[in-house]
Amino acid sequence: LSCINWNGQNTYYVNSVKGRFTISRDNAKNTVYL
């Protein structure tokens, strides 16, 4: 569905979720969100 690179600078989405889903990360918390 969605990918985020190591520093959060690049994100990718497939068309079926683009505009509806958002990926993010907080490296200080060792956590990725959708």
PDB file of all heavy atoms in Angstrom:
ATOM      1  N   LEU A   1       0.800  -1.221   0.000  1.00  0.00           N
ATOM      2  CA  LEU A   1       0.000   0.000   0.000  1.00  0.00           C
ATOM      3  C   LEU A   1       0.834   1.274   0.000  1.00  0.00           C
ATOM      4  O   LEU A   1       0.525   2.224  -0.731  1.00  0.00           O
ATOM      5  CB  LEU A   1      -0.919   0.030   1.219  1.00  0.00           C
ATOM      6  CG  LEU A   1      -1.847  -1.164   1.385  1.00  0.00           C
ATOM      7  CD1 LEU A   1      -2.628  -1.025   2.683  1.00  0.00           C
ATOM      8  CD2 LEU A   1      -2.786  -1.279   0.203  1.00  0.00           C
ATOM      9  N   SER A   2       1.853   1.332   0.850  1.00  0.00           N
ATOM     10  CA  SER A   2       2.576   2.574   1.056  1.00  0.00           C
ATOM     11  C   SER A   2       3.930   2.281   1.672  1.00  0.00           C
ATOM     12  O   SER A   2       4.053   1.398   2.523  1.00  0.00           O
ATOM     13  CB  SER A   2       1.775   3.497   1.983  1.00  0.00           C
ATOM     14  OG  SER A   2       2.438   4.731   2.168  1.00  0.00           O
ATOM     15  N   CYS A   3       4.954   3.035   1.265  1.00  0.00           N
ATOM     16  CA  CYS A   3       6.315   2.855   1.768  1.00  0.00           C
ATOM     17  C   CYS A   3       6.889   4.201   2.183  1.00  0.00           C
ATOM     18  O   CYS A   3       6.607   5.226   1.550  1.00  0.00           O
ATOM     19  CB  CYS A   3       7.202   2.216   0.696  1.00  0.00           C
ATOM     20  SG  CYS A   3       8.872   1.793   1.267  1.00  0.00           S
ATOM     21  N   ILE A   4       7.711   4.179   3.233  1.00  0.00           N
ATOM     22  CA  ILE A   4       8.418   5.372   3.694  1.00  0.00           C
ATOM     23  C   ILE A   4       9.882   5.009   3.895  1.00  0.00           C
ATOM     24  O   ILE A   4      10.200   3.971   4.478  1.00  0.00           O
ATOM     25  CB  ILE A   4       7.770   5.937   4.976  1.00  0.00           C
ATOM     26  CG1 ILE A   4       8.409   7.275   5.359  1.00  0.00           C
ATOM     27  CG2 ILE A   4       7.838   4.933   6.124  1.00  0.00           C
ATOM     28  CD1 ILE A   4       7.570   8.052   6.375  1.00  0.00           C
ATOM     29  N   ASN A   5      10.798   5.860   3.367  1.00  0.00           N
ATOM     30  CA  ASN A   5      12.207   5.521   3.441  1.00  0.00           C
ATOM     31  C   ASN A   5      12.767   5.816   4.829  1.00  0.00           C
ATOM     32  O   ASN A   5      12.069   6.302   5.719  1.00  0.00           O
ATOM     33  CB  ASN A   5      12.992   6.255   2.340  1.00  0.00           C
ATOM     34  CG  ASN A   5      13.326   7.688   2.694  1.00  0.00           C
ATOM     35  OD1 ASN A   5      12.473   8.440   3.143  1.00  0.00           O
ATOM     36  ND2 ASN A   5      14.586   8.068   2.489  1.00  0.00           N
ATOM     37  N   TRP A   6      14.060   5.558   5.009  1.00  0.00           N
ATOM     38  CA  TRP A   6      14.671   5.522   6.336  1.00  0.00           C
ATOM     39  C   TRP A   6      14.561   6.827   7.111  1.00  0.00           C
ATOM     40  O   TRP A   6      14.442   6.807   8.342  1.00  0.00           O
ATOM     41  CB  TRP A   6      16.151   5.118   6.227  1.00  0.00           C
ATOM     42  CG  TRP A   6      17.012   6.153   5.558  1.00  0.00           C
ATOM     43  CD1 TRP A   6      17.197   6.333   4.222  1.00  0.00           C
ATOM     44  CD2 TRP A   6      17.807   7.148   6.216  1.00  0.00           C
ATOM     45  NE1 TRP A   6      18.056   7.386   3.996  1.00  0.00           N
ATOM     46  CE2 TRP A   6      18.449   7.898   5.207  1.00  0.00           C
ATOM     47  CE3 TRP A   6      18.052   7.469   7.549  1.00  0.00           C
ATOM     48  CZ2 TRP A   6      19.309   8.961   5.494  1.00  0.00           C
ATOM     49  CZ3 TRP A   6      18.905   8.517   7.837  1.00  0.00           C
ATOM     50  CH2 TRP A   6      19.521   9.252   6.814  1.00  0.00           C
ATOM     51  N   ASN A   7      14.601   7.972   6.420  1.00  0.00           N
ATOM     52  CA  ASN A   7      14.540   9.262   7.109  1.00  0.00           C
ATOM     53  C   ASN A   7      13.207   9.982   6.914  1.00  0.00           C
ATOM     54  O   ASN A   7      13.069  11.131   7.318  1.00  0.00           O
ATOM     55  CB  ASN A   7      15.693  10.161   6.674  1.00  0.00           C
ATOM     56  CG  ASN A   7      15.677  10.494   5.192  1.00  0.00           C
ATOM     57  OD1 ASN A   7      14.747  10.131   4.471  1.00  0.00           O
ATOM     58  ND2 ASN A   7      16.709  11.182   4.734  1.00  0.00           N
ATOM     59  N   GLY A   8      12.230   9.321   6.298  1.00  0.00           N
ATOM     60  CA  GLY A   8      10.923   9.913   6.092  1.00  0.00           C
ATOM     61  C   GLY A   8      10.847  10.922   4.971  1.00  0.00           C
ATOM     62  O   GLY A   8       9.796  11.541   4.785  1.00  0.00           O
ATOM     63  N   GLN A   9      11.910  11.097   4.208  1.00  0.00           N
ATOM     64  CA  GLN A   9      11.951  12.109   3.156  1.00  0.00           C
ATOM     65  C   GLN A   9      11.201  11.696   1.897  1.00  0.00           C
ATOM     66  O   GLN A   9      10.862  12.563   1.087  1.00  0.00           O
ATOM     67  CB  GLN A   9      13.402  12.439   2.788  1.00  0.00           C
ATOM     68  CG  GLN A   9      14.195  13.089   3.902  1.00  0.00           C
ATOM     69  CD  GLN A   9      13.923  14.567   4.017  1.00  0.00           C
ATOM     70  OE1 GLN A   9      12.840  14.982   4.433  1.00  0.00           O
ATOM     71  NE2 GLN A   9      14.908  15.381   3.661  1.00  0.00           N
ATOM     72  N   ASN A  10      10.957  10.408   1.721  1.00  0.00           N
ATOM     73  CA  ASN A  10      10.284   9.909   0.527  1.00  0.00           C
ATOM     74  C   ASN A  10       9.169   8.961   0.925  1.00  0.00           C
ATOM     75  O   ASN A  10       9.374   8.066   1.749  1.00  0.00           O
ATOM     76  CB  ASN A  10      11.266   9.190  -0.397  1.00  0.00           C
ATOM     77  CG  ASN A  10      12.411  10.081  -0.843  1.00  0.00           C
ATOM     78  OD1 ASN A  10      13.510  10.025  -0.289  1.00  0.00           O
ATOM     79  ND2 ASN A  10      12.154  10.893  -1.851  1.00  0.00           N
ATOM     80  N   THR A  11       7.998   9.164   0.336  1.00  0.00           N
ATOM     81  CA  THR A  11       6.864   8.279   0.560  1.00  0.00           C
ATOM     82  C   THR A  11       6.257   7.884  -0.769  1.00  0.00           C
ATOM     83  O   THR A  11       6.333   8.624  -1.756  1.00  0.00           O
ATOM     84  CB  THR A  11       5.795   8.935   1.443  1.00  0.00           C
ATOM     85  OG1 THR A  11       5.346  10.150   0.821  1.00  0.00           O
ATOM     86  CG2 THR A  11       6.353   9.253   2.823  1.00  0.00           C
ATOM     87  N   TYR A  12       5.602   6.714  -0.787  1.00  0.00           N
ATOM     88  CA  TYR A  12       5.032   6.152  -1.998  1.00  0.00           C
ATOM     89  C   TYR A  12       3.696   5.510  -1.655  1.00  0.00           C
ATOM     90  O   TYR A  12       3.524   4.954  -0.577  1.00  0.00           O
ATOM     91  CB  TYR A  12       5.973   5.102  -2.602  1.00  0.00           C
ATOM     92  CG  TYR A  12       7.356   5.634  -2.878  1.00  0.00           C
ATOM     93  CD1 TYR A  12       8.322   5.639  -1.888  1.00  0.00           C
ATOM     94  CD2 TYR A  12       7.688   6.138  -4.134  1.00  0.00           C
ATOM     95  CE1 TYR A  12       9.592   6.143  -2.130  1.00  0.00           C
ATOM     96  CE2 TYR A  12       8.952   6.641  -4.384  1.00  0.00           C
ATOM     97  CZ  TYR A  12       9.902   6.641  -3.378  1.00  0.00           C
ATOM     98  OH  TYR A  12      11.156   7.144  -3.631  1.00  0.00           O
ATOM     99  N   TYR A  13       2.752   5.583  -2.617  1.00  0.00           N
ATOM    100  CA  TYR A  13       1.426   5.032  -2.437  1.00  0.00           C
ATOM    101  C   TYR A  13       0.959   4.369  -3.721  1.00  0.00           C
ATOM    102  O   TYR A  13       1.267   4.842  -4.823  1.00  0.00           O
ATOM    103  CB  TYR A  13       0.415   6.116  -2.075  1.00  0.00           C
ATOM    104  CG  TYR A  13       0.744   6.876  -0.822  1.00  0.00           C
ATOM    105  CD1 TYR A  13       1.540   8.015  -0.861  1.00  0.00           C
ATOM    106  CD2 TYR A  13       0.248   6.460   0.407  1.00  0.00           C
ATOM    107  CE1 TYR A  13       1.843   8.718   0.290  1.00  0.00           C
ATOM    108  CE2 TYR A  13       0.544   7.166   1.565  1.00  0.00           C
ATOM    109  CZ  TYR A  13       1.339   8.285   1.497  1.00  0.00           C
ATOM    110  OH  TYR A  13       1.635   8.986   2.648  1.00  0.00           O
ATOM    111  N   VAL A  14       0.183   3.295  -3.591  1.00  0.00           N
ATOM    112  CA  VAL A  14      -0.515   2.759  -4.738  1.00  0.00           C
ATOM    113  C   VAL A  14      -1.795   3.560  -4.953  1.00  0.00           C
ATOM    114  O   VAL A  14      -2.304   4.219  -4.049  1.00  0.00           O
ATOM    115  CB  VAL A  14      -0.839   1.259  -4.575  1.00  0.00           C
ATOM    116  CG1 VAL A  14       0.450   0.452  -4.554  1.00  0.00           C
ATOM    117  CG2 VAL A  14      -1.664   1.011  -3.328  1.00  0.00           C
ATOM    118  N   ASN A  15      -2.322   3.511  -6.176  1.00  0.00           N
ATOM    119  CA  ASN A  15      -3.436   4.369  -6.538  1.00  0.00           C
ATOM    120  C   ASN A  15      -4.688   4.119  -5.704  1.00  0.00           C
ATOM    121  O   ASN A  15      -5.460   5.050  -5.458  1.00  0.00           O
ATOM    122  CB  ASN A  15      -3.767   4.205  -8.022  1.00  0.00           C
ATOM    123  CG  ASN A  15      -2.724   4.834  -8.928  1.00  0.00           C
ATOM    124  OD1 ASN A  15      -1.993   5.723  -8.520  1.00  0.00           O
ATOM    125  ND2 ASN A  15      -2.663   4.381 -10.165  1.00  0.00           N
ATOM    126  N   SER A  16      -4.893   2.896  -5.256  1.00  0.00           N
ATOM    127  CA  SER A  16      -6.114   2.575  -4.538  1.00  0.00           C
ATOM    128  C   SER A  16      -6.222   3.278  -3.187  1.00  0.00           C
ATOM    129  O   SER A  16      -7.327   3.404  -2.653  1.00  0.00           O
ATOM    130  CB  SER A  16      -6.239   1.063  -4.345  1.00  0.00           C
ATOM    131  OG  SER A  16      -5.152   0.559  -3.594  1.00  0.00           O
ATOM    132  N   VAL A  17      -5.093   3.740  -2.630  1.00  0.00           N
ATOM    133  CA  VAL A  17      -5.123   4.414  -1.333  1.00  0.00           C
ATOM    134  C   VAL A  17      -4.614   5.842  -1.398  1.00  0.00           C
ATOM    135  O   VAL A  17      -4.743   6.578  -0.411  1.00  0.00           O
ATOM    136  CB  VAL A  17      -4.338   3.631  -0.263  1.00  0.00           C
ATOM    137  CG1 VAL A  17      -4.844   2.197  -0.172  1.00  0.00           C
ATOM    138  CG2 VAL A  17      -2.839   3.661  -0.545  1.00  0.00           C
ATOM    139  N   LYS A  18      -4.053   6.267  -2.514  1.00  0.00           N
ATOM    140  CA  LYS A  18      -3.515   7.616  -2.637  1.00  0.00           C
ATOM    141  C   LYS A  18      -4.622   8.639  -2.410  1.00  0.00           C
ATOM    142  O   LYS A  18      -5.705   8.544  -2.979  1.00  0.00           O
ATOM    143  CB  LYS A  18      -2.881   7.805  -4.006  1.00  0.00           C
ATOM    144  CG  LYS A  18      -2.119   9.114  -4.173  1.00  0.00           C
ATOM    145  CD  LYS A  18      -1.445   9.186  -5.538  1.00  0.00           C
ATOM    146  CE  LYS A  18      -0.370   8.127  -5.680  1.00  0.00           C
ATOM    147  NZ  LYS A  18       0.354   8.237  -6.980  1.00  0.00           N
ATOM    148  N   GLY A  19      -4.339   9.625  -1.568  1.00  0.00           N
ATOM    149  CA  GLY A  19      -5.317  10.641  -1.225  1.00  0.00           C
ATOM    150  C   GLY A  19      -6.188  10.291  -0.045  1.00  0.00           C
ATOM    151  O   GLY A  19      -6.871  11.174   0.487  1.00  0.00           O
ATOM    152  N   ARG A  20      -6.196   9.027   0.372  1.00  0.00           N
ATOM    153  CA  ARG A  20      -6.976   8.591   1.533  1.00  0.00           C
ATOM    154  C   ARG A  20      -6.087   8.169   2.704  1.00  0.00           C
ATOM    155  O   ARG A  20      -6.430   8.414   3.859  1.00  0.00           O
ATOM    156  CB  ARG A  20      -7.888   7.425   1.165  1.00  0.00           C
ATOM    157  CG  ARG A  20      -8.915   7.758   0.104  1.00  0.00           C
ATOM    158  CD  ARG A  20      -9.945   6.637  -0.027  1.00  0.00           C
ATOM    159  NE  ARG A  20      -9.338   5.372  -0.441  1.00  0.00           N
ATOM    160  CZ  ARG A  20      -9.441   4.232   0.235  1.00  0.00           C
ATOM    161  NH1 ARG A  20     -10.132   4.185   1.366  1.00  0.00           N
ATOM    162  NH2 ARG A  20      -8.867   3.126  -0.231  1.00  0.00           N
ATOM    163  N   PHE A  21      -4.967   7.508   2.403  1.00  0.00           N
ATOM    164  CA  PHE A  21      -4.059   7.003   3.435  1.00  0.00           C
ATOM    165  C   PHE A  21      -2.786   7.840   3.454  1.00  0.00           C
ATOM    166  O   PHE A  21      -2.316   8.288   2.402  1.00  0.00           O
ATOM    167  CB  PHE A  21      -3.669   5.551   3.167  1.00  0.00           C
ATOM    168  CG  PHE A  21      -4.784   4.544   3.285  1.00  0.00           C
ATOM    169  CD1 PHE A  21      -6.100   4.922   3.491  1.00  0.00           C
ATOM    170  CD2 PHE A  21      -4.498   3.192   3.188  1.00  0.00           C
ATOM    171  CE1 PHE A  21      -7.119   3.994   3.594  1.00  0.00           C
ATOM    172  CE2 PHE A  21      -5.499   2.245   3.289  1.00  0.00           C
ATOM    173  CZ  PHE A  21      -6.809   2.642   3.492  1.00  0.00           C
ATOM    174  N   THR A  22      -2.201   8.018   4.639  1.00  0.00           N
ATOM    175  CA  THR A  22      -0.957   8.761   4.797  1.00  0.00           C
ATOM    176  C   THR A  22      -0.003   7.986   5.694  1.00  0.00           C
ATOM    177  O   THR A  22      -0.369   7.610   6.810  1.00  0.00           O
ATOM    178  CB  THR A  22      -1.205  10.150   5.407  1.00  0.00           C
ATOM    179  OG1 THR A  22      -2.109  10.891   4.582  1.00  0.00           O
ATOM    180  CG2 THR A  22       0.107  10.925   5.522  1.00  0.00           C
ATOM    181  N   ILE A  23       1.216   7.753   5.207  1.00  0.00           N
ATOM    182  CA  ILE A  23       2.239   7.072   5.995  1.00  0.00           C
ATOM    183  C   ILE A  23       3.170   8.115   6.614  1.00  0.00           C
ATOM    184  O   ILE A  23       3.466   9.145   6.001  1.00  0.00           O
ATOM    185  CB  ILE A  23       3.022   6.058   5.128  1.00  0.00           C
ATOM    186  CG1 ILE A  23       3.861   5.125   5.998  1.00  0.00           C
ATOM    187  CG2 ILE A  23       3.884   6.757   4.084  1.00  0.00           C
ATOM    188  CD1 ILE A  23       4.455   3.949   5.232  1.00  0.00           C
ATOM    189  N   SER A  24       3.625   7.852   7.837  1.00  0.00           N
ATOM    190  CA  SER A  24       4.568   8.732   8.505  1.00  0.00           C
ATOM    191  C   SER A  24       5.399   7.909   9.481  1.00  0.00           C
ATOM    192  O   SER A  24       5.096   6.741   9.741  1.00  0.00           O
ATOM    193  CB  SER A  24       3.843   9.877   9.226  1.00  0.00           C
ATOM    194  OG  SER A  24       2.973   9.376  10.222  1.00  0.00           O
ATOM    195  N   ARG A  25       6.459   8.527  10.020  1.00  0.00           N
ATOM    196  CA  ARG A  25       7.283   7.806  10.987  1.00  0.00           C
ATOM    197  C   ARG A  25       7.867   8.775  12.001  1.00  0.00           C
ATOM    198  O   ARG A  25       8.063   9.961  11.724  1.00  0.00           O
ATOM    199  CB  ARG A  25       8.403   7.010  10.296  1.00  0.00           C
ATOM    200  CG  ARG A  25       9.474   7.854   9.632  1.00  0.00           C
ATOM    201  CD  ARG A  25      10.412   6.984   8.785  1.00  0.00           C
ATOM    202  NE  ARG A  25      11.207   6.077   9.597  1.00  0.00           N
ATOM    203  CZ  ARG A  25      11.866   5.015   9.130  1.00  0.00           C
ATOM    204  NH1 ARG A  25      11.787   4.716   7.833  1.00  0.00           N
ATOM    205  NH2 ARG A  25      12.573   4.250   9.946  1.00  0.00           N
ATOM    206  N   ASP A  26       8.167   8.238  13.180  1.00  0.00           N
ATOM    207  CA  ASP A  26       8.830   8.976  14.245  1.00  0.00           C
ATOM    208  C   ASP A  26       9.991   8.104  14.698  1.00  0.00           C
ATOM    209  O   ASP A  26       9.801   7.163  15.473  1.00  0.00           O
ATOM    210  CB  ASP A  26       7.868   9.270  15.388  1.00  0.00           C
ATOM    211  CG  ASP A  26       8.482  10.139  16.469  1.00  0.00           C
ATOM    212  OD1 ASP A  26       9.726  10.244  16.537  1.00  0.00           O
ATOM    213  OD2 ASP A  26       7.721  10.728  17.257  1.00  0.00           O
ATOM    214  N   ASN A  27      11.194   8.398  14.204  1.00  0.00           N
ATOM    215  CA  ASN A  27      12.344   7.546  14.496  1.00  0.00           C
ATOM    216  C   ASN A  27      12.721   7.567  15.975  1.00  0.00           C
ATOM    217  O   ASN A  27      13.263   6.587  16.484  1.00  0.00           O
ATOM    218  CB  ASN A  27      13.538   7.956  13.640  1.00  0.00           C
ATOM    219  CG  ASN A  27      13.390   7.536  12.192  1.00  0.00           C
ATOM    220  OD1 ASN A  27      12.417   6.880  11.823  1.00  0.00           O
ATOM    221  ND2 ASN A  27      14.347   7.915  11.363  1.00  0.00           N
ATOM    222  N   ALA A  28      12.450   8.673  16.664  1.00  0.00           N
ATOM    223  CA  ALA A  28      12.729   8.733  18.092  1.00  0.00           C
ATOM    224  C   ALA A  28      11.879   7.750  18.877  1.00  0.00           C
ATOM    225  O   ALA A  28      12.274   7.322  19.965  1.00  0.00           O
ATOM    226  CB  ALA A  28      12.519  10.149  18.616  1.00  0.00           C
ATOM    227  N   LYS A  29      10.706   7.396  18.355  1.00  0.00           N
ATOM    228  CA  LYS A  29       9.810   6.445  19.004  1.00  0.00           C
ATOM    229  C   LYS A  29       9.833   5.073  18.346  1.00  0.00           C
ATOM    230  O   LYS A  29       9.061   4.199  18.746  1.00  0.00           O
ATOM    231  CB  LYS A  29       8.382   6.983  19.008  1.00  0.00           C
ATOM    232  CG  LYS A  29       8.204   8.256  19.811  1.00  0.00           C
ATOM    233  CD  LYS A  29       6.760   8.724  19.788  1.00  0.00           C
ATOM    234  CE  LYS A  29       6.581   9.973  20.625  1.00  0.00           C
ATOM    235  NZ  LYS A  29       5.171  10.450  20.603  1.00  0.00           N
ATOM    236  N   ASN A  30      10.684   4.873  17.350  1.00  0.00           N
ATOM    237  CA  ASN A  30      10.759   3.604  16.615  1.00  0.00           C
ATOM    238  C   ASN A  30       9.387   3.174  16.100  1.00  0.00           C
ATOM    239  O   ASN A  30       8.993   2.010  16.222  1.00  0.00           O
ATOM    240  CB  ASN A  30      11.360   2.503  17.491  1.00  0.00           C
ATOM    241  CG  ASN A  30      12.846   2.668  17.722  1.00  0.00           C
ATOM    242  OD1 ASN A  30      13.473   3.597  17.227  1.00  0.00           O
ATOM    243  ND2 ASN A  30      13.423   1.746  18.481  1.00  0.00           N
ATOM    244  N   THR A  31       8.666   4.117  15.496  1.00  0.00           N
ATOM    245  CA  THR A  31       7.272   3.883  15.152  1.00  0.00           C
ATOM    246  C   THR A  31       6.952   4.392  13.746  1.00  0.00           C
ATOM    247  O   THR A  31       7.411   5.461  13.348  1.00  0.00           O
ATOM    248  CB  THR A  31       6.345   4.566  16.169  1.00  0.00           C
ATOM    249  OG1 THR A  31       6.585   4.005  17.464  1.00  0.00           O
ATOM    250  CG2 THR A  31       4.882   4.356  15.808  1.00  0.00           C
ATOM    251  N   VAL A  32       6.151   3.614  13.015  1.00  0.00           N
ATOM    252  CA  VAL A  32       5.592   3.986  11.725  1.00  0.00           C
ATOM    253  C   VAL A  32       4.077   3.997  11.863  1.00  0.00           C
ATOM    254  O   VAL A  32       3.499   3.130  12.522  1.00  0.00           O
ATOM    255  CB  VAL A  32       6.023   3.008  10.624  1.00  0.00           C
ATOM    256  CG1 VAL A  32       5.392   3.388   9.287  1.00  0.00           C
ATOM    257  CG2 VAL A  32       7.539   2.985  10.489  1.00  0.00           C
ATOM    258  N   TYR A  33       3.422   4.969  11.209  1.00  0.00           N
ATOM    259  CA  TYR A  33       1.980   5.113  11.276  1.00  0.00           C
ATOM    260  C   TYR A  33       1.366   4.993   9.885  1.00  0.00           C
ATOM    261  O   TYR A  33       2.002   5.299   8.874  1.00  0.00           O
ATOM    262  CB  TYR A  33       1.585   6.475  11.852  1.00  0.00           C
ATOM    263  CG  TYR A  33       2.176   6.769  13.203  1.00  0.00           C
ATOM    264  CD1 TYR A  33       3.335   7.526  13.324  1.00  0.00           C
ATOM    265  CD2 TYR A  33       1.573   6.297  14.365  1.00  0.00           C
ATOM    266  CE1 TYR A  33       3.878   7.805  14.565  1.00  0.00           C
ATOM    267  CE2 TYR A  33       2.105   6.568  15.606  1.00  0.00           C
ATOM    268  CZ  TYR A  33       3.261   7.322  15.703  1.00  0.00           C
ATOM    269  OH  TYR A  33       3.795   7.595  16.943  1.00  0.00           O
ATOM    270  N   LEU A  34       0.109   4.572   9.856  1.00  0.00           N
ATOM    271  CA  LEU A  34      -0.703   4.658   8.647  1.00  0.00           C
ATOM    272  C   LEU A  34      -2.046   5.257   9.036  1.00  0.00           C
ATOM    273  O   LEU A  34      -2.859   4.599   9.688  1.00  0.00           O
ATOM    274  CB  LEU A  34      -0.901   3.286   7.996  1.00  0.00           C
ATOM    275  CG  LEU A  34      -1.620   3.323   6.650  1.00  0.00           C
ATOM    276  CD1 LEU A  34      -0.739   3.994   5.591  1.00  0.00           C
ATOM    277  CD2 LEU A  34      -2.019   1.923   6.197  1.00  0.00           C
TER     278      LEU A  34
END
